[in-house]
Protein backbone atom coordinates (compact mmCIF):
# COMPACT_ATOMS: atom_id res chain seq x y z
CA MET A 1 -7.59 114.86 306.45
CA SER A 2 -10.61 116.56 304.97
CA TRP A 3 -10.40 118.85 301.95
CA LYS A 4 -11.17 121.78 304.14
CA GLU A 5 -8.38 121.11 306.57
CA HIS A 6 -6.01 120.39 303.68
CA LEU A 7 -6.77 123.93 302.19
CA LYS A 8 -6.32 125.49 305.59
CA GLU A 9 -2.93 123.79 306.11
CA GLU A 10 -1.80 124.84 302.62
CA GLY A 11 -2.87 128.38 303.28
CA ILE A 12 -0.88 128.53 306.52
CA LYS A 13 2.21 127.13 304.76
CA GLU A 14 1.83 129.63 301.93
CA ARG A 15 1.53 132.60 304.39
CA GLU A 16 4.59 131.50 306.23
CA LYS A 17 6.56 131.16 302.97
CA LEU A 18 5.54 134.67 301.94
CA LYS A 19 6.53 136.15 305.39
CA GLN A 20 10.06 134.83 304.99
CA MET A 21 10.51 136.36 301.56
CA PRO A 22 11.97 139.80 300.84
CA PRO A 23 9.39 142.24 299.61
CA LYS A 24 10.71 142.20 296.10
CA ASP A 25 10.71 138.37 295.94
CA ARG A 26 7.34 138.28 297.55
CA ALA A 27 5.78 140.55 294.79
CA TRP A 28 7.42 138.40 291.99
CA TYR A 29 6.22 135.21 293.58
CA ILE A 30 2.60 136.40 294.06
CA TRP A 31 2.44 137.61 290.39
CA GLU A 32 4.11 134.54 288.98
CA TYR A 33 1.94 132.03 290.85
CA TYR A 34 -1.23 133.87 291.41
CA LYS A 35 -1.74 136.09 288.34
CA ILE A 36 -4.41 133.83 286.84
CA HIS A 37 -6.29 133.96 290.12
CA ILE A 38 -5.90 137.79 290.16
CA PHE A 39 -7.32 138.17 286.69
CA ILE A 40 -10.23 135.88 287.52
CA LEU A 41 -10.97 138.00 290.65
CA ILE A 42 -10.68 141.21 288.72
CA GLY A 43 -13.04 139.83 286.05
CA PHE A 44 -15.50 138.64 288.71
CA PHE A 45 -15.72 142.13 290.30
CA MET A 46 -16.01 143.72 286.87
CA PHE A 47 -18.91 141.38 286.03
CA LEU A 48 -20.57 142.19 289.33
CA GLY A 49 -20.14 145.93 288.63
CA LEU A 50 -21.65 145.58 285.15
CA LEU A 51 -24.46 143.53 286.45
CA GLY A 52 -25.25 146.11 289.09
CA GLU A 53 -25.16 148.90 286.51
CA ILE A 54 -27.59 146.99 284.26
CA PHE A 55 -30.12 146.50 287.12
CA TYR A 56 -29.67 150.10 288.30
CA ASN A 57 -30.30 151.42 284.82
CA LYS A 58 -33.47 149.52 284.64
CA THR A 59 -34.87 151.61 287.44
CA PHE A 60 -34.89 154.60 285.03
CA THR A 61 -37.59 155.30 282.54
CA THR A 62 -36.90 157.03 279.16
CA GLN A 63 -39.90 159.45 278.72
CA LEU A 64 -38.66 160.99 275.48
CA SER A 65 -35.78 160.86 273.09
CA TYR A 66 -34.82 163.48 270.46
CA ALA A 67 -31.78 164.21 268.34
CA THR A 68 -30.56 167.11 266.21
CA ILE A 69 -28.74 166.79 262.92
CA ASN A 70 -26.35 169.58 261.65
CA ASN A 71 -26.43 171.82 264.63
CA PHE A 72 -23.22 173.89 264.30
CA ASN A 73 -23.11 175.68 267.64
CA PRO A 74 -20.63 173.75 269.83
CA ASP A 75 -21.81 175.62 272.89
CA TYR A 76 -25.40 174.30 272.87
CA SER A 77 -26.96 172.71 275.86
CA PHE A 78 -30.18 170.75 276.41
CA GLU A 79 -29.84 170.37 280.17
CA GLU A 80 -31.86 173.36 281.44
CA PHE A 81 -34.50 172.99 278.68
CA ASN A 82 -34.94 169.24 279.59
CA GLU A 83 -35.16 169.99 283.27
CA GLU A 84 -37.78 172.57 282.69
CA PHE A 85 -39.87 170.22 280.57
CA LYS A 86 -39.58 167.50 283.23
CA ALA A 87 -40.80 169.93 285.82
CA VAL A 88 -43.79 170.86 283.59
CA MET A 89 -44.59 167.16 283.15
CA GLY A 90 -44.16 166.42 286.84
CA TYR A 91 -41.37 163.91 286.15
CA GLY A 92 -39.12 162.59 288.93
CA LYS A 93 -35.28 162.00 289.12
CA LYS A 94 -35.51 158.63 287.41
CA ASP A 95 -37.51 159.87 284.46
CA VAL A 96 -35.09 160.53 281.59
CA ILE A 97 -35.21 162.86 278.59
CA GLU A 98 -32.60 161.66 276.15
CA ALA A 99 -31.12 164.17 273.81
CA ASP A 100 -28.31 163.97 271.22
CA GLY A 101 -27.00 167.19 269.68
CA SER A 102 -23.81 165.79 268.16
CA MET A 103 -24.83 164.33 264.83
CA VAL A 104 -23.74 165.82 261.53
CA ILE A 105 -25.09 164.41 258.20
CA ARG A 106 -24.48 165.85 254.73
CA TYR A 107 -24.94 164.35 251.39
CA GLY A 108 -22.88 164.49 248.25
CA ASP A 109 -20.00 162.90 246.51
CA VAL A 110 -17.81 162.79 249.59
CA ILE A 111 -19.33 161.55 252.93
CA SER A 112 -17.17 161.01 255.88
CA GLU A 113 -17.03 157.91 258.00
CA MET A 114 -18.49 159.90 260.91
CA GLU A 115 -21.47 160.89 258.69
CA TYR A 116 -21.99 157.31 257.67
CA GLY A 117 -21.85 156.32 261.30
CA ASN A 118 -24.47 158.94 262.15
CA MET A 119 -26.70 157.65 259.47
CA ALA A 120 -26.45 154.17 260.87
CA LYS A 121 -27.07 155.56 264.33
CA VAL A 122 -30.35 157.19 263.32
CA SER A 123 -31.52 153.99 261.53
CA ALA A 124 -30.68 151.91 264.59
CA LEU A 125 -32.48 154.27 267.02
CA VAL A 126 -35.58 154.40 264.80
CA ALA A 127 -35.59 150.60 264.34
CA ALA A 128 -35.48 150.14 268.13
CA GLN A 129 -38.19 152.80 268.71
CA ASP A 130 -35.56 154.79 270.77
CA LEU A 131 -36.07 158.07 268.81
CA ASP A 132 -39.25 160.15 268.95
CA ILE A 133 -38.30 163.52 267.51
CA LEU A 134 -35.70 164.43 264.81
CA ILE A 135 -34.67 168.11 264.61
CA CYS A 136 -32.76 168.93 261.46
CA ASP A 137 -32.07 171.23 258.56
CA GLN A 138 -33.95 171.18 255.30
CA LEU A 139 -31.49 168.75 253.72
CA ASN A 140 -32.28 166.03 256.28
CA ILE A 141 -35.97 166.80 256.67
CA ASP A 142 -36.29 166.14 252.94
CA HIS A 143 -34.10 163.02 253.08
CA TYR A 144 -36.07 161.29 255.86
CA ALA A 145 -39.47 162.45 254.54
CA GLU A 146 -38.66 160.63 251.29
CA LEU A 147 -38.01 157.55 253.44
CA ASP A 148 -41.48 157.86 255.05
CA GLY A 149 -39.73 158.66 258.33
CA PHE A 150 -42.08 161.29 259.61
CA ARG A 151 -45.63 161.41 260.65
CA ASN A 152 -48.26 163.50 258.82
CA LEU A 153 -48.58 166.33 261.41
CA LYS A 154 -52.08 167.40 260.48
CA GLU A 155 -53.25 163.86 261.09
CA THR A 156 -51.21 163.55 264.36
CA LEU A 157 -51.46 166.85 266.33
CA PRO A 158 -54.61 167.77 268.26
CA GLN A 159 -56.54 170.57 266.56
CA ASP A 160 -55.52 173.35 268.94
CA LEU A 161 -51.80 172.53 268.52
CA TRP A 162 -52.15 172.15 264.74
CA GLN A 163 -53.64 175.70 264.51
CA LYS A 164 -50.79 177.05 266.58
CA VAL A 165 -48.07 175.43 264.42
CA GLU A 166 -49.83 175.68 260.94
CA PRO A 167 -48.02 178.89 260.05
CA PHE A 168 -44.66 177.26 260.63
CA ILE A 169 -45.37 173.94 258.79
CA TYR A 170 -43.00 172.53 256.21
CA TYR A 171 -44.31 170.28 253.49
CA GLY A 172 -42.00 167.50 252.29
CA LYS A 173 -42.44 164.75 249.73
CA ASN A 174 -42.90 161.15 251.04
CA GLU A 175 -41.78 158.01 249.31
CA ALA A 176 -44.88 158.15 246.96
CA GLY A 177 -44.12 161.75 246.03
CA GLU A 178 -46.99 163.20 247.93
CA GLU A 179 -46.42 166.42 249.87
CA ILE A 180 -47.27 166.04 253.53
CA PRO A 181 -46.98 168.40 256.52
CA CYS A 182 -43.93 166.69 258.08
CA GLY A 183 -41.97 169.49 259.74
CA ILE A 184 -42.36 172.44 262.14
CA ASP A 185 -40.05 175.36 261.83
CA LEU A 186 -38.57 175.94 265.36
CA SER A 187 -36.12 178.64 264.24
CA ASP A 188 -37.85 181.29 266.44
CA SER A 189 -39.03 179.00 269.13
CA TYR A 190 -38.23 178.79 272.86
CA PHE A 191 -36.34 175.61 272.19
CA CYS A 192 -33.76 177.23 269.98
CA GLU A 193 -33.46 180.23 272.17
CA LYS A 194 -32.97 178.19 275.36
CA THR A 195 -30.60 175.56 273.96
CA GLY A 196 -28.57 177.67 271.62
CA ILE A 197 -29.15 175.43 268.62
CA ASP A 198 -27.62 176.89 265.50
CA MET A 199 -29.61 175.67 262.50
CA ASN A 200 -31.48 177.77 259.97
CA PRO A 201 -34.10 176.59 259.23
CA CYS A 202 -34.51 174.33 262.19
CA TYR A 203 -37.21 171.74 261.43
CA LEU A 204 -38.89 169.27 263.76
CA GLY A 205 -40.28 165.97 262.56
CA ILE A 206 -42.13 163.34 264.56
CA VAL A 207 -40.52 159.95 263.97
CA ASN A 208 -43.07 157.67 262.26
CA ASN A 209 -42.90 154.73 264.65
CA THR A 210 -42.69 156.63 268.02
CA ALA A 211 -44.54 154.85 270.79
CA ARG A 212 -44.59 158.06 272.99
CA ILE A 213 -46.80 160.31 270.94
CA ASP A 214 -48.59 161.92 273.93
CA THR A 215 -45.24 163.05 275.40
CA VAL A 216 -44.14 164.17 271.97
CA ILE A 217 -47.21 166.38 271.62
CA SER A 218 -46.58 167.93 275.08
CA TRP A 219 -42.86 168.45 274.17
CA ILE A 220 -43.76 170.33 270.98
CA ASP A 221 -46.29 172.55 272.80
CA PHE A 222 -43.59 173.36 275.41
CA ALA A 223 -40.81 173.86 272.82
CA LEU A 224 -42.68 176.56 270.96
CA GLU A 225 -43.17 179.04 273.81
CA GLY A 226 -41.80 177.43 277.00
CA GLU A 227 -45.11 177.47 278.77
């Protein structure tokens, strides 16, 4: 008898045995003798699902990523603002604008585990070049400026945009102690009005190692007046 025929015969015998059992005994028997097979099958389908999700996510393109620190309005929303910006840029459904408004970071003698976690999150995002813009209060713009975390805006922005934002520029000290134009005050901007961000002042800094500077410049221009 071939191995295929043997398996077929065993399968027939097993089905007959199960048919003759009461429902309660049948359930117990299946669980007792086939639970390993069940777990393997579940694991296999979970693996297939995860694999499919990974390949599906690769069809999306992150066009920009920004985060806020110390926004204290729980009712903020980035969705409409991001959709408007995507329309202006001509982006499609699989072009993504990533935005995180949940982070809180304060400094002092007592720092919570959540705040330590947020510090680590910012560091990880920057290291992976997954963060382009940081929007924060003065406490954090100063902190990250001292770590050389922001670009010099006068050297980065095109002349026309620099002239537009110059009245709202914040100068912070970098690691060498030099004052550089590292922040733009967005307190009265379209961005704050549209999203409901509660932060005063509300400073924007361009993350030093961003690889999407052209999109960042377009975002800043749109964030100021929504045009």
